[in-house]
PDB file of all heavy atoms in Angstrom:
ATOM      1  N   LEU A   1     -10.881   2.287   8.253  1.00  0.00           N
ATOM      2  CA  LEU A   1     -10.212   1.819   6.996  1.00  0.00           C
ATOM      3  C   LEU A   1      -9.734   0.386   7.037  1.00  0.00           C
ATOM      4  O   LEU A   1      -9.897  -0.333   6.059  1.00  0.00           O
ATOM      5  CB  LEU A   1      -9.046   2.819   6.678  1.00  0.00           C
ATOM      6  CG  LEU A   1      -8.252   2.487   5.442  1.00  0.00           C
ATOM      7  CD1 LEU A   1      -9.142   2.660   4.200  1.00  0.00           C
ATOM      8  CD2 LEU A   1      -7.038   3.431   5.333  1.00  0.00           C
ATOM      9  N   ARG A   2      -9.157   0.007   8.189  1.00  0.00           N
ATOM     10  CA  ARG A   2      -8.614  -1.341   8.349  1.00  0.00           C
ATOM     11  C   ARG A   2      -9.743  -2.331   8.160  1.00  0.00           C
ATOM     12  O   ARG A   2      -9.576  -3.403   7.558  1.00  0.00           O
ATOM     13  CB  ARG A   2      -7.973  -1.507   9.703  1.00  0.00           C
ATOM     14  CG  ARG A   2      -7.274  -2.883   9.806  1.00  0.00           C
ATOM     15  CD  ARG A   2      -6.624  -3.075  11.178  1.00  0.00           C
ATOM     16  NE  ARG A   2      -7.667  -3.225  12.194  1.00  0.00           N
ATOM     17  CZ  ARG A   2      -7.811  -2.588  13.356  1.00  0.00           C
ATOM     18  NH1 ARG A   2      -6.931  -1.631  13.572  1.00  0.00           N
ATOM     19  NH2 ARG A   2      -8.790  -2.802  14.173  1.00  0.00           N
ATOM     20  N   LEU A   3     -10.923  -2.057   8.695  1.00  0.00           N
ATOM     21  CA  LEU A   3     -12.071  -2.918   8.564  1.00  0.00           C
ATOM     22  C   LEU A   3     -12.650  -2.998   7.163  1.00  0.00           C
ATOM     23  O   LEU A   3     -13.004  -4.015   6.634  1.00  0.00           O
ATOM     24  CB  LEU A   3     -13.191  -2.560   9.548  1.00  0.00           C
ATOM     25  CG  LEU A   3     -12.779  -2.752  11.053  1.00  0.00           C
ATOM     26  CD1 LEU A   3     -13.873  -2.156  11.959  1.00  0.00           C
ATOM     27  CD2 LEU A   3     -12.516  -4.196  11.394  1.00  0.00           C
ATOM     28  N   ARG A   4     -12.720  -1.778   6.558  1.00  0.00           N
ATOM     29  CA  ARG A   4     -13.350  -1.641   5.225  1.00  0.00           C
ATOM     30  C   ARG A   4     -12.442  -2.144   4.110  1.00  0.00           C
ATOM     31  O   ARG A   4     -12.912  -2.806   3.156  1.00  0.00           O
ATOM     32  CB  ARG A   4     -13.739  -0.176   5.048  1.00  0.00           C
ATOM     33  CG  ARG A   4     -14.527   0.075   3.756  1.00  0.00           C
ATOM     34  CD  ARG A   4     -14.948   1.514   3.573  1.00  0.00           C
ATOM     35  NE  ARG A   4     -13.752   2.322   3.239  1.00  0.00           N
ATOM     36  CZ  ARG A   4     -13.278   3.292   4.019  1.00  0.00           C
ATOM     37  NH1 ARG A   4     -13.830   3.588   5.127  1.00  0.00           N
ATOM     38  NH2 ARG A   4     -12.213   4.000   3.595  1.00  0.00           N
ATOM     39  N   SER A   5     -11.150  -1.902   4.233  1.00  0.00           N
ATOM     40  CA  SER A   5     -10.219  -2.252   3.190  1.00  0.00           C
ATOM     41  C   SER A   5      -8.827  -2.573   3.791  1.00  0.00           C
ATOM     42  O   SER A   5      -7.983  -1.645   3.894  1.00  0.00           O
ATOM     43  CB  SER A   5     -10.115  -1.144   2.153  1.00  0.00           C
ATOM     44  OG  SER A   5      -9.158  -1.540   1.145  1.00  0.00           O
ATOM     45  N   PRO A   6      -8.608  -3.784   4.172  1.00  0.00           N
ATOM     46  CA  PRO A   6      -7.300  -4.114   4.743  1.00  0.00           C
ATOM     47  C   PRO A   6      -6.124  -3.741   3.868  1.00  0.00           C
ATOM     48  O   PRO A   6      -5.070  -3.365   4.333  1.00  0.00           O
ATOM     49  CB  PRO A   6      -7.381  -5.623   4.991  1.00  0.00           C
ATOM     50  CG  PRO A   6      -8.867  -5.903   5.155  1.00  0.00           C
ATOM     51  CD  PRO A   6      -9.528  -4.905   4.188  1.00  0.00           C
ATOM     52  N   ALA A   7      -6.339  -3.835   2.548  1.00  0.00           N
ATOM     53  CA  ALA A   7      -5.219  -3.546   1.651  1.00  0.00           C
ATOM     54  C   ALA A   7      -4.933  -2.047   1.636  1.00  0.00           C
ATOM     55  O   ALA A   7      -3.774  -1.610   1.603  1.00  0.00           O
ATOM     56  CB  ALA A   7      -5.567  -3.998   0.207  1.00  0.00           C
ATOM     57  N   ALA A   8      -5.970  -1.197   1.689  1.00  0.00           N
ATOM     58  CA  ALA A   8      -5.782   0.206   1.749  1.00  0.00           C
ATOM     59  C   ALA A   8      -5.098   0.616   3.055  1.00  0.00           C
ATOM     60  O   ALA A   8      -4.238   1.454   3.090  1.00  0.00           O
ATOM     61  CB  ALA A   8      -7.123   0.957   1.577  1.00  0.00           C
ATOM     62  N   HIS A   9      -5.508  -0.039   4.159  1.00  0.00           N
ATOM     63  CA  HIS A   9      -4.860   0.188   5.469  1.00  0.00           C
ATOM     64  C   HIS A   9      -3.384  -0.194   5.406  1.00  0.00           C
ATOM     65  O   HIS A   9      -2.550   0.570   5.863  1.00  0.00           O
ATOM     66  CB  HIS A   9      -5.572  -0.636   6.509  1.00  0.00           C
ATOM     67  CG  HIS A   9      -5.000  -0.504   7.917  1.00  0.00           C
ATOM     68  ND1 HIS A   9      -4.158  -1.458   8.426  1.00  0.00           N
ATOM     69  CD2 HIS A   9      -5.120   0.473   8.773  1.00  0.00           C
ATOM     70  CE1 HIS A   9      -3.793  -1.046   9.623  1.00  0.00           C
ATOM     71  NE2 HIS A   9      -4.333   0.117   9.844  1.00  0.00           N
ATOM     72  N   ARG A  10      -3.029  -1.300   4.798  1.00  0.00           N
ATOM     73  CA  ARG A  10      -1.615  -1.649   4.624  1.00  0.00           C
ATOM     74  C   ARG A  10      -0.868  -0.682   3.780  1.00  0.00           C
ATOM     75  O   ARG A  10       0.302  -0.356   4.084  1.00  0.00           O
ATOM     76  CB  ARG A  10      -1.521  -3.100   4.111  1.00  0.00           C
ATOM     77  CG  ARG A  10      -0.121  -3.606   3.965  1.00  0.00           C
ATOM     78  CD  ARG A  10       0.535  -3.720   5.401  1.00  0.00           C
ATOM     79  NE  ARG A  10       1.916  -4.163   5.243  1.00  0.00           N
ATOM     80  CZ  ARG A  10       2.909  -3.777   6.009  1.00  0.00           C
ATOM     81  NH1 ARG A  10       2.672  -2.950   6.961  1.00  0.00           N
ATOM     82  NH2 ARG A  10       4.087  -4.250   5.815  1.00  0.00           N
ATOM     83  N   LEU A  11      -1.494  -0.242   2.695  1.00  0.00           N
ATOM     84  CA  LEU A  11      -0.811   0.733   1.872  1.00  0.00           C
ATOM     85  C   LEU A  11      -0.539   2.022   2.645  1.00  0.00           C
ATOM     86  O   LEU A  11       0.547   2.656   2.541  1.00  0.00           O
ATOM     87  CB  LEU A  11      -1.710   1.067   0.627  1.00  0.00           C
ATOM     88  CG  LEU A  11      -1.185   2.111  -0.329  1.00  0.00           C
ATOM     89  CD1 LEU A  11       0.131   1.698  -0.957  1.00  0.00           C
ATOM     90  CD2 LEU A  11      -2.244   2.467  -1.409  1.00  0.00           C
ATOM     91  N   LEU A  12      -1.467   2.461   3.442  1.00  0.00           N
ATOM     92  CA  LEU A  12      -1.292   3.626   4.282  1.00  0.00           C
ATOM     93  C   LEU A  12      -0.100   3.382   5.283  1.00  0.00           C
ATOM     94  O   LEU A  12       0.732   4.284   5.453  1.00  0.00           O
ATOM     95  CB  LEU A  12      -2.553   3.957   5.086  1.00  0.00           C
ATOM     96  CG  LEU A  12      -2.512   5.243   5.984  1.00  0.00           C
ATOM     97  CD1 LEU A  12      -2.270   6.434   5.133  1.00  0.00           C
ATOM     98  CD2 LEU A  12      -3.797   5.319   6.735  1.00  0.00           C
ATOM     99  N   GLN A  13      -0.028   2.177   5.869  1.00  0.00           N
ATOM    100  CA  GLN A  13       1.089   1.913   6.740  1.00  0.00           C
ATOM    101  C   GLN A  13       2.445   1.958   5.961  1.00  0.00           C
ATOM    102  O   GLN A  13       3.370   2.559   6.491  1.00  0.00           O
ATOM    103  CB  GLN A  13       0.997   0.489   7.320  1.00  0.00           C
ATOM    104  CG  GLN A  13      -0.120   0.339   8.365  1.00  0.00           C
ATOM    105  CD  GLN A  13      -0.275  -1.068   8.822  1.00  0.00           C
ATOM    106  OE1 GLN A  13      -0.155  -1.981   7.991  1.00  0.00           O
ATOM    107  NE2 GLN A  13      -0.509  -1.277  10.086  1.00  0.00           N
ATOM    108  N   LEU A  14       2.488   1.398   4.832  1.00  0.00           N
ATOM    109  CA  LEU A  14       3.721   1.437   4.046  1.00  0.00           C
ATOM    110  C   LEU A  14       4.152   2.841   3.625  1.00  0.00           C
ATOM    111  O   LEU A  14       5.283   3.198   3.686  1.00  0.00           O
ATOM    112  CB  LEU A  14       3.583   0.516   2.774  1.00  0.00           C
ATOM    113  CG  LEU A  14       3.415  -0.974   3.056  1.00  0.00           C
ATOM    114  CD1 LEU A  14       2.996  -1.710   1.770  1.00  0.00           C
ATOM    115  CD2 LEU A  14       4.666  -1.576   3.611  1.00  0.00           C
ATOM    116  N   CYS A  15       3.147   3.595   3.173  1.00  0.00           N
ATOM    117  CA  CYS A  15       3.462   4.983   2.829  1.00  0.00           C
ATOM    118  C   CYS A  15       3.841   5.850   3.986  1.00  0.00           C
ATOM    119  O   CYS A  15       4.604   6.807   3.794  1.00  0.00           O
ATOM    120  CB  CYS A  15       2.279   5.606   2.066  1.00  0.00           C
ATOM    121  SG  CYS A  15       1.981   4.872   0.396  1.00  0.00           S
ATOM    122  N   SER A  16       3.285   5.560   5.163  1.00  0.00           N
ATOM    123  CA  SER A  16       3.635   6.412   6.325  1.00  0.00           C
ATOM    124  C   SER A  16       5.140   6.297   6.652  1.00  0.00           C
ATOM    125  O   SER A  16       5.671   7.201   7.339  1.00  0.00           O
ATOM    126  CB  SER A  16       2.776   6.001   7.520  1.00  0.00           C
ATOM    127  OG  SER A  16       3.114   4.728   8.012  1.00  0.00           O
ATOM    128  N   PHE A  17       5.781   5.243   6.197  1.00  0.00           N
ATOM    129  CA  PHE A  17       7.181   5.104   6.435  1.00  0.00           C
ATOM    130  C   PHE A  17       7.973   6.236   5.859  1.00  0.00           C
ATOM    131  O   PHE A  17       8.988   6.700   6.386  1.00  0.00           O
ATOM    132  CB  PHE A  17       7.694   3.769   5.871  1.00  0.00           C
ATOM    133  CG  PHE A  17       9.153   3.605   5.935  1.00  0.00           C
ATOM    134  CD1 PHE A  17       9.823   3.193   7.090  1.00  0.00           C
ATOM    135  CD2 PHE A  17       9.933   3.773   4.796  1.00  0.00           C
ATOM    136  CE1 PHE A  17      11.199   3.066   7.133  1.00  0.00           C
ATOM    137  CE2 PHE A  17      11.321   3.647   4.796  1.00  0.00           C
ATOM    138  CZ  PHE A  17      11.918   3.285   5.990  1.00  0.00           C
ATOM    139  N   PHE A  18       7.481   6.787   4.742  1.00  0.00           N
ATOM    140  CA  PHE A  18       8.138   7.876   4.037  1.00  0.00           C
ATOM    141  C   PHE A  18       7.920   9.244   4.654  1.00  0.00           C
ATOM    142  O   PHE A  18       8.536  10.220   4.223  1.00  0.00           O
ATOM    143  CB  PHE A  18       7.732   7.891   2.568  1.00  0.00           C
ATOM    144  CG  PHE A  18       8.217   6.665   1.824  1.00  0.00           C
ATOM    145  CD1 PHE A  18       7.402   5.589   1.647  1.00  0.00           C
ATOM    146  CD2 PHE A  18       9.544   6.569   1.359  1.00  0.00           C
ATOM    147  CE1 PHE A  18       7.834   4.437   0.974  1.00  0.00           C
ATOM    148  CE2 PHE A  18       9.996   5.474   0.672  1.00  0.00           C
ATOM    149  CZ  PHE A  18       9.161   4.408   0.520  1.00  0.00           C
ATOM    150  N   ALA A  19       6.958   9.336   5.577  1.00  0.00           N
ATOM    151  CA  ALA A  19       6.670  10.618   6.276  1.00  0.00           C
ATOM    152  C   ALA A  19       6.358  11.671   5.259  1.00  0.00           C
ATOM    153  O   ALA A  19       5.486  11.464   4.383  1.00  0.00           O
ATOM    154  CB  ALA A  19       7.777  10.980   7.203  1.00  0.00           C
ATOM    155  N   ALA A  20       7.006  12.772   5.293  1.00  0.00           N
ATOM    156  CA  ALA A  20       6.668  13.911   4.405  1.00  0.00           C
ATOM    157  C   ALA A  20       7.432  13.877   3.108  1.00  0.00           C
ATOM    158  O   ALA A  20       7.220  14.693   2.268  1.00  0.00           O
ATOM    159  CB  ALA A  20       6.986  15.228   5.086  1.00  0.00           C
ATOM    160  N   ARG A  21       8.264  12.860   2.911  1.00  0.00           N
ATOM    161  CA  ARG A  21       8.994  12.802   1.613  1.00  0.00           C
ATOM    162  C   ARG A  21       8.082  12.356   0.518  1.00  0.00           C
ATOM    163  O   ARG A  21       7.136  11.594   0.718  1.00  0.00           O
ATOM    164  CB  ARG A  21      10.099  11.808   1.769  1.00  0.00           C
ATOM    165  CG  ARG A  21      11.243  12.286   2.766  1.00  0.00           C
ATOM    166  CD  ARG A  21      12.343  11.323   2.816  1.00  0.00           C
ATOM    167  NE  ARG A  21      11.805  10.023   3.220  1.00  0.00           N
ATOM    168  CZ  ARG A  21      12.416   9.245   4.131  1.00  0.00           C
ATOM    169  NH1 ARG A  21      13.517   9.558   4.659  1.00  0.00           N
ATOM    170  NH2 ARG A  21      11.895   8.082   4.444  1.00  0.00           N
ATOM    171  N   PRO A  22       8.370  12.792  -0.706  1.00  0.00           N
ATOM    172  CA  PRO A  22       7.546  12.346  -1.853  1.00  0.00           C
ATOM    173  C   PRO A  22       7.561  10.832  -2.047  1.00  0.00           C
ATOM    174  O   PRO A  22       8.555  10.205  -1.813  1.00  0.00           O
ATOM    175  CB  PRO A  22       8.185  13.068  -3.077  1.00  0.00           C
ATOM    176  CG  PRO A  22       9.006  14.149  -2.449  1.00  0.00           C
ATOM    177  CD  PRO A  22       9.426  13.732  -1.081  1.00  0.00           C
ATOM    178  N   ILE A  23       6.464  10.331  -2.476  1.00  0.00           N
ATOM    179  CA  ILE A  23       6.308   8.895  -2.755  1.00  0.00           C
ATOM    180  C   ILE A  23       6.177   8.702  -4.255  1.00  0.00           C
ATOM    181  O   ILE A  23       5.280   9.250  -4.849  1.00  0.00           O
ATOM    182  CB  ILE A  23       5.189   8.245  -1.965  1.00  0.00           C
ATOM    183  CG1 ILE A  23       5.392   8.456  -0.527  1.00  0.00           C
ATOM    184  CG2 ILE A  23       5.021   6.766  -2.344  1.00  0.00           C
ATOM    185  CD1 ILE A  23       4.140   8.094   0.333  1.00  0.00           C
ATOM    186  N   SER A  24       7.049   7.952  -4.882  1.00  0.00           N
ATOM    187  CA  SER A  24       7.009   7.722  -6.305  1.00  0.00           C
ATOM    188  C   SER A  24       5.730   6.913  -6.738  1.00  0.00           C
ATOM    189  O   SER A  24       5.462   5.856  -6.145  1.00  0.00           O
ATOM    190  CB  SER A  24       8.270   6.976  -6.760  1.00  0.00           C
ATOM    191  OG  SER A  24       8.111   6.451  -8.001  1.00  0.00           O
ATOM    192  N   THR A  25       5.065   7.401  -7.759  1.00  0.00           N
ATOM    193  CA  THR A  25       3.963   6.610  -8.300  1.00  0.00           C
ATOM    194  C   THR A  25       4.406   5.324  -8.930  1.00  0.00           C
ATOM    195  O   THR A  25       3.683   4.348  -8.980  1.00  0.00           O
ATOM    196  CB  THR A  25       3.108   7.428  -9.306  1.00  0.00           C
ATOM    197  OG1 THR A  25       3.951   7.923 -10.305  1.00  0.00           O
ATOM    198  CG2 THR A  25       2.378   8.593  -8.615  1.00  0.00           C
ATOM    199  N   THR A  26       5.683   5.350  -9.417  1.00  0.00           N
ATOM    200  CA  THR A  26       6.222   4.147  -9.978  1.00  0.00           C
ATOM    201  C   THR A  26       6.293   3.054  -8.884  1.00  0.00           C
ATOM    202  O   THR A  26       5.961   1.882  -9.156  1.00  0.00           O
ATOM    203  CB  THR A  26       7.664   4.416 -10.506  1.00  0.00           C
ATOM    204  OG1 THR A  26       7.565   5.398 -11.489  1.00  0.00           O
ATOM    205  CG2 THR A  26       8.283   3.169 -11.077  1.00  0.00           C
ATOM    206  N   MET A  27       6.665   3.414  -7.698  1.00  0.00           N
ATOM    207  CA  MET A  27       6.683   2.458  -6.590  1.00  0.00           C
ATOM    208  C   MET A  27       5.229   1.989  -6.183  1.00  0.00           C
ATOM    209  O   MET A  27       4.995   0.842  -6.021  1.00  0.00           O
ATOM    210  CB  MET A  27       7.347   3.088  -5.356  1.00  0.00           C
ATOM    211  CG  MET A  27       7.479   2.075  -4.232  1.00  0.00           C
ATOM    212  SD  MET A  27       8.018   2.823  -2.689  1.00  0.00           S
ATOM    213  CE  MET A  27       6.529   3.653  -2.133  1.00  0.00           C
ATOM    214  N   ILE A  28       4.305   2.961  -6.181  1.00  0.00           N
ATOM    215  CA  ILE A  28       2.965   2.640  -5.783  1.00  0.00           C
ATOM    216  C   ILE A  28       2.361   1.628  -6.788  1.00  0.00           C
ATOM    217  O   ILE A  28       1.650   0.697  -6.391  1.00  0.00           O
ATOM    218  CB  ILE A  28       2.133   3.916  -5.734  1.00  0.00           C
ATOM    219  CG1 ILE A  28       2.567   4.866  -4.598  1.00  0.00           C
ATOM    220  CG2 ILE A  28       0.605   3.580  -5.559  1.00  0.00           C
ATOM    221  CD1 ILE A  28       2.302   4.351  -3.230  1.00  0.00           C
ATOM    222  N   TYR A  29       2.603   1.874  -8.082  1.00  0.00           N
ATOM    223  CA  TYR A  29       2.034   1.006  -9.097  1.00  0.00           C
ATOM    224  C   TYR A  29       2.937  -0.187  -9.516  1.00  0.00           C
ATOM    225  O   TYR A  29       2.720  -0.756 -10.539  1.00  0.00           O
ATOM    226  CB  TYR A  29       1.632   1.817 -10.314  1.00  0.00           C
ATOM    227  CG  TYR A  29       0.366   2.630 -10.103  1.00  0.00           C
ATOM    228  CD1 TYR A  29       0.442   3.951  -9.764  1.00  0.00           C
ATOM    229  CD2 TYR A  29      -0.861   2.040 -10.185  1.00  0.00           C
ATOM    230  CE1 TYR A  29      -0.696   4.773  -9.538  1.00  0.00           C
ATOM    231  CE2 TYR A  29      -2.017   2.752  -9.969  1.00  0.00           C
ATOM    232  CZ  TYR A  29      -1.907   4.114  -9.636  1.00  0.00           C
ATOM    233  OH  TYR A  29      -3.054   4.785  -9.397  1.00  0.00           O
ATOM    234  N   SER A  30       3.950  -0.474  -8.746  1.00  0.00           N
ATOM    235  CA  SER A  30       4.822  -1.523  -9.096  1.00  0.00           C
ATOM    236  C   SER A  30       4.260  -2.904  -8.888  1.00  0.00           C
ATOM    237  O   SER A  30       3.334  -3.109  -8.081  1.00  0.00           O
ATOM    238  CB  SER A  30       6.155  -1.421  -8.269  1.00  0.00           C
ATOM    239  OG  SER A  30       5.925  -1.648  -6.916  1.00  0.00           O
ATOM    240  N   ASP A  31       4.785  -3.896  -9.528  1.00  0.00           N
ATOM    241  CA  ASP A  31       4.350  -5.277  -9.348  1.00  0.00           C
ATOM    242  C   ASP A  31       4.597  -5.695  -7.884  1.00  0.00           C
ATOM    243  O   ASP A  31       3.845  -6.448  -7.343  1.00  0.00           O
ATOM    244  CB  ASP A  31       5.110  -6.216 -10.308  1.00  0.00           C
ATOM    245  CG  ASP A  31       4.723  -5.987 -11.746  1.00  0.00           C
ATOM    246  OD1 ASP A  31       3.591  -5.559 -11.996  1.00  0.00           O
ATOM    247  OD2 ASP A  31       5.521  -6.286 -12.630  1.00  0.00           O
ATOM    248  N   GLU A  32       5.742  -5.198  -7.336  1.00  0.00           N
ATOM    249  CA  GLU A  32       5.995  -5.536  -5.956  1.00  0.00           C
ATOM    250  C   GLU A  32       4.948  -5.066  -4.963  1.00  0.00           C
ATOM    251  O   GLU A  32       4.604  -5.784  -4.034  1.00  0.00           O
ATOM    252  CB  GLU A  32       7.397  -5.002  -5.575  1.00  0.00           C
ATOM    253  CG  GLU A  32       7.828  -5.414  -4.149  1.00  0.00           C
ATOM    254  CD  GLU A  32       7.988  -6.937  -3.958  1.00  0.00           C
ATOM    255  OE1 GLU A  32       8.242  -7.668  -4.914  1.00  0.00           O
ATOM    256  OE2 GLU A  32       7.770  -7.350  -2.834  1.00  0.00           O
ATOM    257  N   MET A  33       4.466  -3.837  -5.227  1.00  0.00           N
ATOM    258  CA  MET A  33       3.397  -3.293  -4.337  1.00  0.00           C
ATOM    259  C   MET A  33       2.153  -4.159  -4.459  1.00  0.00           C
ATOM    260  O   MET A  33       1.457  -4.426  -3.483  1.00  0.00           O
ATOM    261  CB  MET A  33       3.094  -1.866  -4.709  1.00  0.00           C
ATOM    262  CG  MET A  33       2.083  -1.192  -3.753  1.00  0.00           C
ATOM    263  SD  MET A  33       2.622  -1.115  -2.016  1.00  0.00           S
ATOM    264  CE  MET A  33       3.782   0.295  -2.109  1.00  0.00           C
ATOM    265  N   VAL A  34       1.798  -4.552  -5.636  1.00  0.00           N
ATOM    266  CA  VAL A  34       0.659  -5.462  -5.874  1.00  0.00           C
ATOM    267  C   VAL A  34       0.906  -6.747  -5.070  1.00  0.00           C
ATOM    268  O   VAL A  34      -0.021  -7.218  -4.378  1.00  0.00           O
ATOM    269  CB  VAL A  34       0.384  -5.734  -7.354  1.00  0.00           C
ATOM    270  CG1 VAL A  34      -0.665  -6.792  -7.514  1.00  0.00           C
ATOM    271  CG2 VAL A  34       0.000  -4.453  -8.106  1.00  0.00           C
ATOM    272  N   ARG A  35       2.046  -7.302  -5.165  1.00  0.00           N
ATOM    273  CA  ARG A  35       2.378  -8.542  -4.408  1.00  0.00           C
ATOM    274  C   ARG A  35       2.294  -8.325  -2.899  1.00  0.00           C
ATOM    275  O   ARG A  35       1.830  -9.160  -2.150  1.00  0.00           O
ATOM    276  CB  ARG A  35       3.748  -9.087  -4.766  1.00  0.00           C
ATOM    277  CG  ARG A  35       3.740  -9.834  -6.103  1.00  0.00           C
ATOM    278  CD  ARG A  35       5.017 -10.638  -6.265  1.00  0.00           C
ATOM    279  NE  ARG A  35       6.221  -9.754  -6.437  1.00  0.00           N
ATOM    280  CZ  ARG A  35       6.618  -9.183  -7.561  1.00  0.00           C
ATOM    281  NH1 ARG A  35       5.860  -9.402  -8.677  1.00  0.00           N
ATOM    282  NH2 ARG A  35       7.688  -8.439  -7.630  1.00  0.00           N
ATOM    283  N   LEU A  36       2.708  -7.151  -2.417  1.00  0.00           N
ATOM    284  CA  LEU A  36       2.644  -6.811  -0.981  1.00  0.00           C
ATOM    285  C   LEU A  36       1.229  -6.706  -0.503  1.00  0.00           C
ATOM    286  O   LEU A  36       0.934  -7.040   0.664  1.00  0.00           O
ATOM    287  CB  LEU A  36       3.433  -5.567  -0.707  1.00  0.00           C
ATOM    288  CG  LEU A  36       4.940  -5.648  -0.687  1.00  0.00           C
ATOM    289  CD1 LEU A  36       5.561  -4.242  -0.622  1.00  0.00           C
ATOM    290  CD2 LEU A  36       5.453  -6.508   0.449  1.00  0.00           C
ATOM    291  N   LEU A  37       0.347  -6.194  -1.333  1.00  0.00           N
ATOM    292  CA  LEU A  37      -1.010  -5.943  -0.913  1.00  0.00           C
ATOM    293  C   LEU A  37      -1.987  -7.147  -1.161  1.00  0.00           C
ATOM    294  O   LEU A  37      -3.032  -7.170  -0.563  1.00  0.00           O
ATOM    295  CB  LEU A  37      -1.542  -4.708  -1.577  1.00  0.00           C
ATOM    296  CG  LEU A  37      -0.852  -3.413  -1.299  1.00  0.00           C
ATOM    297  CD1 LEU A  37      -1.428  -2.247  -2.048  1.00  0.00           C
ATOM    298  CD2 LEU A  37      -0.853  -3.092   0.227  1.00  0.00           C
ATOM    299  N   MET A  38      -1.608  -8.066  -2.036  1.00  0.00           N
ATOM    300  CA  MET A  38      -2.480  -9.186  -2.353  1.00  0.00           C
ATOM    301  C   MET A  38      -2.912  -9.996  -1.139  1.00  0.00           C
ATOM    302  O   MET A  38      -4.081 -10.380  -1.090  1.00  0.00           O
ATOM    303  CB  MET A  38      -1.833 -10.110  -3.417  1.00  0.00           C
ATOM    304  CG  MET A  38      -1.976  -9.513  -4.804  1.00  0.00           C
ATOM    305  SD  MET A  38      -1.219 -10.504  -6.082  1.00  0.00           S
ATOM    306  CE  MET A  38      -2.154 -12.026  -6.008  1.00  0.00           C
ATOM    307  N   PRO A  39      -2.054 -10.251  -0.148  1.00  0.00           N
ATOM    308  CA  PRO A  39      -2.543 -10.969   1.012  1.00  0.00           C
ATOM    309  C   PRO A  39      -3.697 -10.276   1.749  1.00  0.00           C
ATOM    310  O   PRO A  39      -4.435 -10.926   2.494  1.00  0.00           O
ATOM    311  CB  PRO A  39      -1.296 -11.163   1.887  1.00  0.00           C
ATOM    312  CG  PRO A  39      -0.135 -10.988   0.989  1.00  0.00           C
ATOM    313  CD  PRO A  39      -0.624 -10.029  -0.096  1.00  0.00           C
ATOM    314  N   TYR A  40      -3.785  -8.951   1.561  1.00  0.00           N
ATOM    315  CA  TYR A  40      -4.825  -8.236   2.281  1.00  0.00           C
ATOM    316  C   TYR A  40      -6.068  -8.045   1.492  1.00  0.00           C
ATOM    317  O   TYR A  40      -7.120  -7.606   1.983  1.00  0.00           O
ATOM    318  CB  TYR A  40      -4.251  -6.816   2.658  1.00  0.00           C
ATOM    319  CG  TYR A  40      -3.051  -6.917   3.549  1.00  0.00           C
ATOM    320  CD1 TYR A  40      -1.760  -7.026   3.016  1.00  0.00           C
ATOM    321  CD2 TYR A  40      -3.216  -7.012   4.938  1.00  0.00           C
ATOM    322  CE1 TYR A  40      -0.687  -7.099   3.868  1.00  0.00           C
ATOM    323  CE2 TYR A  40      -2.157  -7.117   5.760  1.00  0.00           C
ATOM    324  CZ  TYR A  40      -0.872  -7.186   5.226  1.00  0.00           C
ATOM    325  OH  TYR A  40       0.218  -7.331   6.038  1.00  0.00           O
ATOM    326  N   ASP A  41      -6.013  -8.329   0.190  1.00  0.00           N
ATOM    327  CA  ASP A  41      -7.219  -8.237  -0.715  1.00  0.00           C
ATOM    328  C   ASP A  41      -7.062  -9.262  -1.805  1.00  0.00           C
ATOM    329  O   ASP A  41      -6.312  -9.076  -2.781  1.00  0.00           O
ATOM    330  CB  ASP A  41      -7.243  -6.814  -1.282  1.00  0.00           C
ATOM    331  CG  ASP A  41      -8.474  -6.578  -2.127  1.00  0.00           C
ATOM    332  OD1 ASP A  41      -9.165  -7.583  -2.549  1.00  0.00           O
ATOM    333  OD2 ASP A  41      -8.848  -5.422  -2.366  1.00  0.00           O
ATOM    334  N   LYS A  42      -7.729 -10.393  -1.686  1.00  0.00           N
ATOM    335  CA  LYS A  42      -7.666 -11.437  -2.617  1.00  0.00           C
ATOM    336  C   LYS A  42      -8.122 -11.070  -4.072  1.00  0.00           C
ATOM    337  O   LYS A  42      -7.773 -11.719  -5.026  1.00  0.00           O
ATOM    338  CB  LYS A  42      -8.451 -12.720  -2.163  1.00  0.00           C
ATOM    339  CG  LYS A  42      -7.945 -13.264  -0.864  1.00  0.00           C
ATOM    340  CD  LYS A  42      -6.457 -13.627  -0.854  1.00  0.00           C
ATOM    341  CE  LYS A  42      -6.070 -14.216   0.471  1.00  0.00           C
ATOM    342  NZ  LYS A  42      -4.652 -14.357   0.595  1.00  0.00           N
ATOM    343  N   GLY A  43      -8.922 -10.004  -4.111  1.00  0.00           N
ATOM    344  CA  GLY A  43      -9.447  -9.537  -5.457  1.00  0.00           C
ATOM    345  C   GLY A  43      -8.401  -8.713  -6.180  1.00  0.00           C
ATOM    346  O   GLY A  43      -8.571  -8.378  -7.353  1.00  0.00           O
TER     347      GLY A  43
END
């Protein structure tokens, strides 16, 4: 995954912080998440 999609790998790392707790889709689709992932995927 890290080789195929560095941004997806980073998203997995960020979400793993929450362990088994629910992750808000609002957080996933936030502008801040886009900004956090942009360095990993210029597109």
